[in-house]
């Protein structure tokens, strides 16, 4: 279903899925790629 989302929306879904579990460590490789400026600033804050 995420193939119909924009790049930024897809990144947000990936981040949500990564943080939904009970992981001790999450490695994020360029997590804001494809996000617009406002989404990128909100992500980092």
N, C-alpha and C. Protein backbone atom coordinates (compact mmCIF):
# COMPACT_ATOMS: atom_id res chain seq x y z
N UNK A 1 0.81 -1.20 0.00
CA UNK A 1 0.00 0.00 0.00
C UNK A 1 0.86 1.26 0.00
N UNK A 2 2.08 1.20 0.51
CA UNK A 2 2.89 2.42 0.59
C UNK A 2 3.42 2.86 -0.77
N UNK A 3 3.28 2.03 -1.78
CA UNK A 3 3.79 2.42 -3.10
C UNK A 3 2.99 3.56 -3.72
N UNK A 4 1.85 3.90 -3.13
CA UNK A 4 1.04 5.02 -3.63
C UNK A 4 1.31 6.30 -2.85
N UNK A 5 2.19 6.25 -1.86
CA UNK A 5 2.52 7.42 -1.05
C UNK A 5 3.66 8.20 -1.69
N UNK A 6 3.80 9.45 -1.27
CA UNK A 6 4.96 10.24 -1.71
C UNK A 6 6.19 9.71 -1.00
N UNK A 7 7.36 10.15 -1.45
CA UNK A 7 8.61 9.71 -0.83
C UNK A 7 8.67 10.05 0.65
N UNK A 8 8.25 11.26 0.99
CA UNK A 8 8.27 11.68 2.39
C UNK A 8 7.30 10.90 3.24
N UNK A 9 6.12 10.63 2.70
CA UNK A 9 5.13 9.85 3.44
C UNK A 9 5.61 8.41 3.64
N UNK A 10 6.27 7.88 2.64
CA UNK A 10 6.81 6.53 2.74
C UNK A 10 7.88 6.46 3.83
N UNK A 11 8.73 7.48 3.91
CA UNK A 11 9.75 7.53 4.95
C UNK A 11 9.11 7.59 6.34
N UNK A 12 8.04 8.36 6.47
CA UNK A 12 7.35 8.45 7.76
C UNK A 12 6.79 7.09 8.18
N UNK A 13 6.26 6.35 7.22
CA UNK A 13 5.73 5.01 7.51
C UNK A 13 6.87 4.10 7.95
N UNK A 14 7.98 4.15 7.26
CA UNK A 14 9.14 3.32 7.63
C UNK A 14 9.62 3.65 9.04
N UNK A 15 9.67 4.93 9.36
CA UNK A 15 10.10 5.33 10.70
C UNK A 15 9.11 4.84 11.75
N UNK A 16 7.83 4.99 11.47
CA UNK A 16 6.80 4.52 12.42
C UNK A 16 6.92 3.02 12.64
N UNK A 17 7.13 2.27 11.58
CA UNK A 17 7.28 0.82 11.71
C UNK A 17 8.54 0.46 12.50
N UNK A 18 9.60 1.20 12.28
CA UNK A 18 10.85 0.93 12.99
C UNK A 18 10.72 1.19 14.49
N UNK A 19 9.95 2.20 14.86
CA UNK A 19 9.83 2.55 16.28
C UNK A 19 8.65 1.86 16.95
N UNK A 20 7.81 1.16 16.21
CA UNK A 20 6.63 0.52 16.78
C UNK A 20 7.00 -0.70 17.63
N UNK A 21 8.09 -1.35 17.31
CA UNK A 21 8.49 -2.54 18.06
C UNK A 21 9.25 -2.18 19.33
N UNK A 22 9.75 -3.17 19.99
CA UNK A 22 10.48 -2.98 21.24
C UNK A 22 11.97 -3.21 21.00
N UNK A 23 12.52 -2.50 20.01
CA UNK A 23 13.92 -2.68 19.64
C UNK A 23 14.84 -1.95 20.60
N UNK A 24 15.99 -2.55 20.87
CA UNK A 24 17.00 -1.90 21.69
C UNK A 24 17.84 -0.92 20.86
N UNK A 25 17.91 -1.17 19.57
CA UNK A 25 18.72 -0.34 18.68
C UNK A 25 18.01 -0.20 17.34
N UNK A 26 17.96 1.03 16.84
CA UNK A 26 17.41 1.30 15.51
C UNK A 26 18.47 2.09 14.75
N UNK A 27 18.84 1.60 13.58
CA UNK A 27 19.81 2.28 12.73
C UNK A 27 19.05 2.97 11.62
N UNK A 28 19.17 4.28 11.55
CA UNK A 28 18.48 5.07 10.54
C UNK A 28 19.49 5.60 9.54
N UNK A 29 19.38 5.19 8.29
CA UNK A 29 20.26 5.64 7.24
C UNK A 29 19.52 6.69 6.42
N UNK A 30 19.85 7.94 6.64
CA UNK A 30 19.21 9.06 5.95
C UNK A 30 17.69 9.01 6.06
N UNK A 31 17.17 9.06 7.27
CA UNK A 31 15.72 8.91 7.47
C UNK A 31 14.87 10.05 6.91
N UNK A 32 15.47 11.18 6.63
CA UNK A 32 14.67 12.31 6.14
C UNK A 32 14.75 12.49 4.62
N UNK A 33 15.39 11.56 3.93
CA UNK A 33 15.46 11.63 2.47
C UNK A 33 14.06 11.56 1.90
N UNK A 34 13.73 12.48 1.05
CA UNK A 34 12.43 12.51 0.41
C UNK A 34 11.39 13.32 1.15
N UNK A 35 11.72 13.77 2.36
CA UNK A 35 10.76 14.57 3.13
C UNK A 35 10.88 16.04 2.72
N UNK A 36 9.77 16.76 2.80
CA UNK A 36 9.84 18.18 2.54
C UNK A 36 10.46 18.88 3.75
N UNK A 37 10.76 20.15 3.62
CA UNK A 37 11.47 20.89 4.66
C UNK A 37 10.73 20.86 6.00
N UNK A 38 9.43 21.07 5.99
CA UNK A 38 8.67 21.08 7.24
C UNK A 38 8.65 19.72 7.91
N UNK A 39 8.48 18.68 7.13
CA UNK A 39 8.48 17.32 7.69
C UNK A 39 9.85 16.98 8.24
N UNK A 40 10.91 17.39 7.54
CA UNK A 40 12.28 17.13 8.00
C UNK A 40 12.54 17.82 9.34
N UNK A 41 12.13 19.08 9.47
CA UNK A 41 12.33 19.80 10.72
C UNK A 41 11.52 19.18 11.86
N UNK A 42 10.29 18.78 11.57
CA UNK A 42 9.47 18.13 12.60
C UNK A 42 10.07 16.80 13.02
N UNK A 43 10.61 16.05 12.08
CA UNK A 43 11.23 14.76 12.40
C UNK A 43 12.40 14.96 13.36
N UNK A 44 13.27 15.91 13.06
CA UNK A 44 14.45 16.11 13.89
C UNK A 44 14.13 16.76 15.22
N UNK A 45 13.04 17.46 15.34
CA UNK A 45 12.69 18.05 16.64
C UNK A 45 11.99 17.01 17.49
